[in-house]
């Protein structure tokens, strides 16, 4: 019996850990057909449960003990109520026939189907998390133990079967969740490190590294775009007058505005130096990019920047623009031209917009 329990646990542990690792590895890439995710999780959990039933511990009177309820519960943690319903249907139907039709198999199969439906409904209202999963486990294991006790030949066997089932399932769930939590924390750390490597610490916008990746992808795919270089007018005066902490607040507020703006044009914003920002406008001809630049400039100029000191500061920006492929073929060329354009905008008196095409006019 001990060997059967070890095999049962090993099967569940292997499938759960492997499936969760694959899920966490693919999740950041938002792979296609994400709506199929809960169905896939339910299918995997159902197959895992069938394997668990195939290696179950056999009690008297056709009663079997395994960790299939833990498998169904974990599917709800990863895939939600749909995964629970799918895995429960697979297990319930299979339970009718796996050891032949009998009063025990029919009772156990119906029990799984009913409990699966109830669990799916409740978890739809209150999703399963690492924090509340023990509440659901208690509900599952108590009803399972009741069924096992009722189907046992006498109360002595029923008590023994119930205790064995309770201790085994609790141990399996605890160890599995412990490992899954460790996996989750590790993946979260990795994502934070990756995010820090590509994000400006102050504004939350993309940093130079991420910006270069975006431009490289556009150039590789030969996608037309316009590049806006935004420079905050007289920002050094702001720092000298109000202090650098206030200057950082201004940068954060402008960064937030640019982050909101690029979501409306399918673009990307980046902070590349102290008071300079890039905005990439995908598939934007010069006329469209100038219009976008006017929107940015107007929004910032009309915004009263209220800082922690209580001061209300008016900020304006100068914007230089160039377009791919008309003005340049490489990031170096485009950055140089955008810099020329923004310098001309500053020379014109600040709060101005200049496209590189206008430099020869």
Protein backbone atom coordinates (compact mmCIF):
# COMPACT_ATOMS: atom_id res chain seq x y z
CA UNK A 1 0.00 0.00 0.00
CA UNK A 2 2.81 2.45 0.85
CA UNK A 3 4.41 1.86 -2.55
CA UNK A 4 1.08 2.53 -4.27
CA UNK A 5 0.73 5.80 -2.39
CA UNK A 6 4.26 6.88 -3.34
CA UNK A 7 3.60 6.08 -7.01
CA UNK A 8 0.30 7.96 -6.86
CA UNK A 9 1.95 11.01 -5.36
CA UNK A 10 4.83 10.90 -7.85
CA UNK A 11 2.46 10.88 -10.82
CA UNK A 12 0.48 13.84 -9.51
CA UNK A 13 3.57 15.79 -8.49
CA UNK A 14 5.27 15.28 -11.86
CA UNK A 15 2.24 16.31 -13.92
CA UNK A 16 1.35 19.30 -11.77
CA UNK A 17 4.87 20.72 -11.56
CA UNK A 18 5.60 20.16 -15.24
CA UNK A 19 2.27 21.69 -16.33
CA UNK A 20 2.67 24.69 -14.04
CA UNK A 21 6.22 25.29 -15.22
CA UNK A 22 5.10 25.25 -18.87
CA UNK A 23 2.19 27.58 -18.06
CA UNK A 24 4.37 30.12 -16.24
CA UNK A 25 7.01 29.96 -18.98
CA UNK A 26 4.51 30.69 -21.76
CA UNK A 27 2.27 33.15 -19.92
CA UNK A 28 4.41 36.29 -20.51
CA UNK A 29 4.28 35.68 -24.25
CA UNK A 30 0.46 35.64 -24.28
CA UNK A 31 0.40 32.76 -26.76
CA UNK A 32 -2.52 32.48 -29.18
CA UNK A 33 -5.84 30.94 -28.20
CA UNK A 34 -5.54 31.95 -24.56
CA UNK A 35 -9.27 31.26 -24.26
CA UNK A 36 -8.42 27.56 -24.69
CA UNK A 37 -6.15 27.65 -21.65
CA UNK A 38 -8.72 26.50 -19.03
CA UNK A 39 -9.90 23.71 -21.33
CA UNK A 40 -6.34 22.50 -21.80
CA UNK A 41 -5.70 22.64 -18.05
CA UNK A 42 -8.89 20.67 -17.42
CA UNK A 43 -7.92 18.05 -20.00
CA UNK A 44 -4.43 17.64 -18.52
CA UNK A 45 -5.86 17.43 -14.99
CA UNK A 46 -8.41 14.87 -16.15
CA UNK A 47 -5.76 12.68 -17.77
CA UNK A 48 -3.59 13.01 -14.67
CA UNK A 49 -6.53 11.95 -12.51
CA UNK A 50 -7.09 8.89 -14.70
CA UNK A 51 -3.48 7.87 -14.20
CA UNK A 52 -3.90 8.40 -10.48
CA UNK A 53 -6.97 6.18 -10.48
CA UNK A 54 -5.04 3.55 -12.42
CA UNK A 55 -2.42 3.42 -9.68
CA UNK A 56 -4.85 3.91 -6.78
CA UNK A 57 -4.77 2.13 -3.45
CA UNK A 58 -7.51 -0.53 -3.38
CA UNK A 59 -9.65 -0.83 -0.29
CA UNK A 60 -12.37 -3.45 0.18
CA UNK A 61 -15.74 -3.34 -1.58
CA UNK A 62 -14.33 -1.71 -4.75
CA UNK A 63 -13.29 1.47 -2.97
CA UNK A 64 -10.12 3.15 -4.24
CA UNK A 65 -8.00 5.86 -2.70
CA UNK A 66 -5.95 8.32 -4.74
CA UNK A 67 -5.16 12.01 -5.17
CA UNK A 68 -7.56 12.77 -8.03
CA UNK A 69 -9.38 15.42 -5.97
CA UNK A 70 -6.11 17.24 -5.44
CA UNK A 71 -5.53 17.15 -9.20
CA UNK A 72 -8.99 18.63 -9.83
CA UNK A 73 -8.41 21.29 -7.18
CA UNK A 74 -5.04 22.31 -8.63
CA UNK A 75 -6.67 22.59 -12.07
CA UNK A 76 -9.04 25.15 -10.57
CA UNK A 77 -6.11 27.10 -9.15
CA UNK A 78 -4.41 27.33 -12.55
CA UNK A 79 -7.33 27.18 -14.99
CA UNK A 80 -10.39 28.36 -13.10
CA UNK A 81 -13.93 26.90 -12.98
CA UNK A 82 -13.90 25.63 -16.58
CA UNK A 83 -10.85 23.49 -15.83
CA UNK A 84 -12.59 22.06 -12.77
CA UNK A 85 -15.70 21.19 -14.76
CA UNK A 86 -13.73 19.56 -17.59
CA UNK A 87 -11.52 17.46 -15.32
CA UNK A 88 -14.48 16.43 -13.14
CA UNK A 89 -16.50 15.25 -16.16
CA UNK A 90 -13.56 13.21 -17.45
CA UNK A 91 -12.95 11.61 -14.05
CA UNK A 92 -16.63 11.07 -13.26
CA UNK A 93 -17.44 9.34 -16.55
CA UNK A 94 -14.28 7.23 -16.41
CA UNK A 95 -15.06 6.18 -12.83
CA UNK A 96 -18.25 4.52 -14.03
CA UNK A 97 -16.33 2.02 -16.16
CA UNK A 98 -12.74 1.79 -14.95
CA UNK A 99 -13.42 -1.09 -12.56
CA UNK A 100 -16.73 -2.20 -14.03
CA UNK A 101 -20.23 -0.95 -13.29
CA UNK A 102 -21.16 -1.44 -9.68
CA UNK A 103 -22.91 0.37 -6.90
CA UNK A 104 -19.56 1.70 -5.69
CA UNK A 105 -18.37 2.93 -9.10
CA UNK A 106 -21.71 4.58 -9.90
CA UNK A 107 -21.86 6.26 -6.50
CA UNK A 108 -18.27 7.48 -6.79
CA UNK A 109 -18.78 8.69 -10.37
CA UNK A 110 -21.93 10.61 -9.56
CA UNK A 111 -20.23 12.07 -6.49
CA UNK A 112 -17.34 13.40 -8.60
CA UNK A 113 -19.68 14.91 -11.21
CA UNK A 114 -21.86 16.62 -8.62
CA UNK A 115 -18.96 17.87 -6.54
CA UNK A 116 -17.17 19.10 -9.67
CA UNK A 117 -20.21 21.13 -10.72
CA UNK A 118 -20.61 22.60 -7.24
CA UNK A 119 -16.92 23.42 -7.00
CA UNK A 120 -16.90 25.01 -10.47
CA UNK A 121 -19.88 27.20 -9.58
CA UNK A 122 -18.47 28.32 -6.24
CA UNK A 123 -15.02 29.02 -7.71
CA UNK A 124 -16.65 31.06 -10.48
CA UNK A 125 -18.03 33.33 -7.78
CA UNK A 126 -14.90 33.14 -5.64
CA UNK A 127 -11.80 32.10 -7.65
CA UNK A 128 -9.42 29.60 -6.09
CA UNK A 129 -6.17 31.15 -4.86
CA UNK A 130 -3.19 29.95 -2.88
CA UNK A 131 -4.77 31.59 0.13
CA UNK A 132 -8.25 30.05 0.05
CA UNK A 133 -7.48 26.70 -1.58
CA UNK A 134 -7.53 24.95 1.81
CA UNK A 135 -11.16 25.96 2.21
CA UNK A 136 -12.02 24.16 -1.03
CA UNK A 137 -9.81 21.22 -0.08
CA UNK A 138 -11.64 20.82 3.23
CA UNK A 139 -14.96 20.75 1.40
CA UNK A 140 -13.72 18.16 -1.10
CA UNK A 141 -11.97 15.85 1.29
CA UNK A 142 -14.76 15.86 3.88
CA UNK A 143 -17.40 14.80 1.36
CA UNK A 144 -15.00 12.23 -0.13
CA UNK A 145 -14.34 10.74 3.30
CA UNK A 146 -18.07 10.60 3.99
CA UNK A 147 -18.67 8.67 0.77
CA UNK A 148 -15.79 6.30 1.53
CA UNK A 149 -17.08 5.70 5.05
CA UNK A 150 -20.61 4.96 3.82
CA UNK A 151 -19.42 2.55 1.12
CA UNK A 152 -17.12 0.63 3.48
CA UNK A 153 -18.22 -2.78 4.79
CA UNK A 154 -18.21 -1.71 8.42
CA UNK A 155 -17.33 1.29 10.55
CA UNK A 156 -13.86 -0.04 11.42
CA UNK A 157 -12.82 -0.33 7.78
CA UNK A 158 -14.59 2.93 7.08
CA UNK A 159 -12.64 4.71 9.80
CA UNK A 160 -9.32 3.27 8.56
CA UNK A 161 -10.03 4.15 4.93
CA UNK A 162 -11.14 7.65 5.86
CA UNK A 163 -8.04 8.39 7.95
CA UNK A 164 -5.71 7.06 5.26
CA UNK A 165 -7.46 9.09 2.56
CA UNK A 166 -7.43 12.25 4.68
CA UNK A 167 -3.76 12.07 5.65
CA UNK A 168 -2.59 11.11 2.18
CA UNK A 169 -4.51 13.86 0.35
CA UNK A 170 -3.56 16.51 2.88
CA UNK A 171 0.13 15.60 2.58
CA UNK A 172 -0.03 15.57 -1.23
CA UNK A 173 -1.77 18.95 -1.37
CA UNK A 174 0.59 20.57 1.13
CA UNK A 175 3.78 19.42 -0.62
CA UNK A 176 2.45 20.25 -4.09
CA UNK A 177 1.35 23.74 -3.08
CA UNK A 178 4.67 24.35 -1.34
CA UNK A 179 6.52 23.62 -4.57
CA UNK A 180 4.07 25.60 -6.72
CA UNK A 181 4.42 28.64 -4.45
CA UNK A 182 8.18 28.36 -4.76
CA UNK A 183 7.83 28.20 -8.55
CA UNK A 184 5.49 31.19 -8.57
CA UNK A 185 7.80 33.31 -6.42
CA UNK A 186 10.77 32.39 -8.58
CA UNK A 187 8.96 33.34 -11.79
CA UNK A 188 7.81 36.62 -10.23
CA UNK A 189 11.40 37.47 -9.30
CA UNK A 190 12.57 36.66 -12.82
CA UNK A 191 9.87 38.86 -14.35
CA UNK A 192 10.71 41.74 -12.03
CA UNK A 193 14.37 41.48 -12.96
CA UNK A 194 13.48 41.43 -16.66
CA UNK A 195 11.15 44.39 -16.19
CA UNK A 196 13.81 46.36 -14.33
CA UNK A 197 16.27 45.68 -17.13
CA UNK A 198 13.90 47.23 -19.69
CA UNK A 199 12.13 49.91 -17.63
CA UNK A 200 13.14 53.39 -16.57
CA UNK A 201 13.19 53.37 -12.77
CA UNK A 202 11.60 56.82 -12.40
CA UNK A 203 8.81 56.98 -15.00
CA UNK A 204 8.03 53.31 -15.62
CA UNK A 205 8.49 53.88 -19.34
CA UNK A 206 10.75 51.79 -21.52
CA UNK A 207 14.42 52.59 -21.11
CA UNK A 208 17.08 52.91 -23.80
CA UNK A 209 17.56 49.16 -24.03
CA UNK A 210 13.88 48.42 -24.57
CA UNK A 211 13.57 51.34 -27.00
CA UNK A 212 16.37 49.97 -29.16
CA UNK A 213 14.66 46.57 -29.23
CA UNK A 214 11.41 48.17 -30.45
CA UNK A 215 13.18 50.08 -33.20
CA UNK A 216 15.20 47.04 -34.24
CA UNK A 217 11.98 45.01 -34.59
CA UNK A 218 10.38 47.71 -36.72
CA UNK A 219 13.45 48.03 -38.94
CA UNK A 220 13.77 44.25 -39.30
CA UNK A 221 10.12 43.98 -40.34
CA UNK A 222 10.44 47.07 -42.56
CA UNK A 223 7.45 48.69 -40.86
CA UNK A 224 7.06 52.44 -41.46
CA UNK A 225 7.00 54.62 -38.35
CA UNK A 226 7.76 58.09 -37.09
CA UNK A 227 10.06 58.94 -34.22
CA UNK A 228 9.28 61.84 -31.88
CA UNK A 229 12.03 63.25 -29.67
CA UNK A 230 10.47 65.24 -26.82
CA UNK A 231 12.56 67.68 -24.79
CA UNK A 232 11.20 69.48 -21.71
CA UNK A 233 11.75 73.20 -22.13
CA UNK A 234 13.92 74.90 -19.50
CA UNK A 235 13.94 71.83 -17.30
CA UNK A 236 17.22 72.84 -15.71
CA UNK A 237 15.48 76.00 -14.47
CA UNK A 238 12.78 73.84 -12.85
CA UNK A 239 15.42 71.82 -11.00
CA UNK A 240 17.29 74.95 -9.89
CA UNK A 241 14.13 76.71 -8.73
CA UNK A 242 12.18 73.91 -7.04
CA UNK A 243 14.81 71.22 -6.48
CA UNK A 244 15.53 67.89 -8.10
CA UNK A 245 12.81 65.98 -6.21
CA UNK A 246 10.22 68.27 -7.79
CA UNK A 247 11.93 67.78 -11.13
CA UNK A 248 11.54 64.03 -10.68
CA UNK A 249 7.83 64.52 -9.99
CA UNK A 250 7.48 66.43 -13.25
CA UNK A 251 9.24 63.63 -15.12
CA UNK A 252 6.94 61.06 -13.55
CA UNK A 253 3.81 63.02 -14.47
CA UNK A 254 4.94 63.55 -18.07
CA UNK A 255 5.90 59.88 -18.27
CA UNK A 256 2.37 58.95 -17.15
CA UNK A 257 0.86 61.19 -19.82
CA UNK A 258 3.01 59.68 -22.54
CA UNK A 259 2.21 56.16 -21.35
CA UNK A 260 -1.51 56.90 -21.67
CA UNK A 261 -1.05 58.60 -25.03
CA UNK A 262 0.81 55.77 -26.76
CA UNK A 263 -1.98 53.34 -25.90
CA UNK A 264 -4.25 55.38 -28.21
CA UNK A 265 -1.90 55.08 -31.21
CA UNK A 266 -0.39 51.62 -30.69
CA UNK A 267 2.95 53.26 -30.02
CA UNK A 268 5.68 53.09 -27.42
CA UNK A 269 7.21 55.73 -25.18
CA UNK A 270 10.68 55.69 -23.67
CA UNK A 271 12.79 57.92 -21.47
CA UNK A 272 16.29 58.10 -22.92
CA UNK A 273 17.99 60.74 -20.77
CA UNK A 274 17.29 63.26 -18.04
CA UNK A 275 14.48 65.28 -19.65
CA UNK A 276 14.25 63.66 -23.07
CA UNK A 277 11.67 61.14 -24.21
CA UNK A 278 11.09 59.17 -27.38
CA UNK A 279 7.68 58.29 -28.75
CA UNK A 280 7.42 55.76 -31.56
CA UNK A 281 4.33 56.18 -33.76
CA UNK A 282 3.79 53.00 -35.76
CA UNK A 283 2.60 53.29 -39.35
CA UNK A 284 2.52 57.09 -39.07
CA UNK A 285 3.30 59.25 -42.11
CA UNK A 286 4.91 62.67 -41.46
CA UNK A 287 1.54 64.46 -41.43
CA UNK A 288 0.10 62.01 -38.90
CA UNK A 289 3.18 62.19 -36.68
CA UNK A 290 3.00 66.01 -36.66
CA UNK A 291 -0.65 65.75 -35.61
CA UNK A 292 0.31 63.33 -32.82
CA UNK A 293 3.08 65.68 -31.70
CA UNK A 294 0.60 68.57 -31.53
CA UNK A 295 -1.64 66.47 -29.29
CA UNK A 296 1.24 65.72 -26.95
CA UNK A 297 2.50 69.29 -26.87
CA UNK A 298 -0.99 70.73 -26.27
CA UNK A 299 -1.84 68.26 -23.53
CA UNK A 300 1.36 68.95 -21.60
CA UNK A 301 1.11 72.74 -22.01
CA UNK A 302 -2.48 72.77 -20.73
CA UNK A 303 -1.76 70.55 -17.73
CA UNK A 304 -1.18 72.35 -14.40
CA UNK A 305 1.52 70.23 -12.77
CA UNK A 306 0.75 70.28 -9.04
CA UNK A 307 3.78 69.03 -7.08
CA UNK A 308 4.25 67.92 -3.48
CA UNK A 309 5.49 71.36 -2.40
CA UNK A 310 2.13 72.84 -3.38
CA UNK A 311 3.51 74.74 -6.35
CA UNK A 312 1.68 74.67 -9.67
CA UNK A 313 4.20 74.54 -12.49
CA UNK A 314 3.55 75.12 -16.18
CA UNK A 315 5.59 72.90 -18.47
CA UNK A 316 6.09 73.04 -22.22
CA UNK A 317 7.98 70.72 -24.55
CA UNK A 318 9.77 70.97 -27.87
CA UNK A 319 9.39 68.05 -30.26
CA UNK A 320 11.56 66.94 -33.16
CA UNK A 321 10.27 64.36 -35.63
CA UNK A 322 11.69 62.10 -38.32
CA UNK A 323 10.14 59.23 -40.26
CA UNK A 324 11.22 55.81 -41.49
CA UNK A 325 11.98 54.98 -44.25
CA UNK A 326 11.80 58.46 -45.83
CA UNK A 327 14.38 60.16 -43.59
CA UNK A 328 16.69 57.35 -42.49
CA UNK A 329 17.31 53.62 -42.64
CA UNK A 330 19.07 53.01 -39.32
CA UNK A 331 18.47 53.89 -35.69
CA UNK A 332 21.64 55.99 -35.66
CA UNK A 333 20.48 58.07 -38.61
CA UNK A 334 16.98 58.52 -37.22
CA UNK A 335 18.21 59.51 -33.76
CA UNK A 336 20.59 62.06 -35.28
CA UNK A 337 17.83 63.59 -37.44
CA UNK A 338 15.35 63.71 -34.57
CA UNK A 339 17.96 65.50 -32.47
CA UNK A 340 18.53 68.07 -35.23
CA UNK A 341 14.79 68.64 -35.50
CA UNK A 342 14.29 69.15 -31.77
CA UNK A 343 17.22 71.58 -31.61
CA UNK A 344 15.56 73.62 -34.36
CA UNK A 345 12.29 73.55 -32.41
CA UNK A 346 14.06 74.92 -29.33
CA UNK A 347 15.73 77.65 -31.41
CA UNK A 348 12.30 78.72 -32.70
CA UNK A 349 11.31 79.67 -29.18
CA UNK A 350 10.37 76.47 -27.35
CA UNK A 351 6.94 74.83 -27.26
CA UNK A 352 7.43 74.14 -30.95
CA UNK A 353 7.29 71.15 -33.30
CA UNK A 354 9.67 70.56 -36.19
CA UNK A 355 9.72 67.64 -38.61
CA UNK A 356 13.10 66.99 -40.18
CA UNK A 357 11.48 67.53 -43.58
CA UNK A 358 11.04 71.18 -42.59
CA UNK A 359 14.74 71.80 -42.02
CA UNK A 360 15.41 72.42 -45.70
CA UNK A 361 12.35 74.62 -46.16
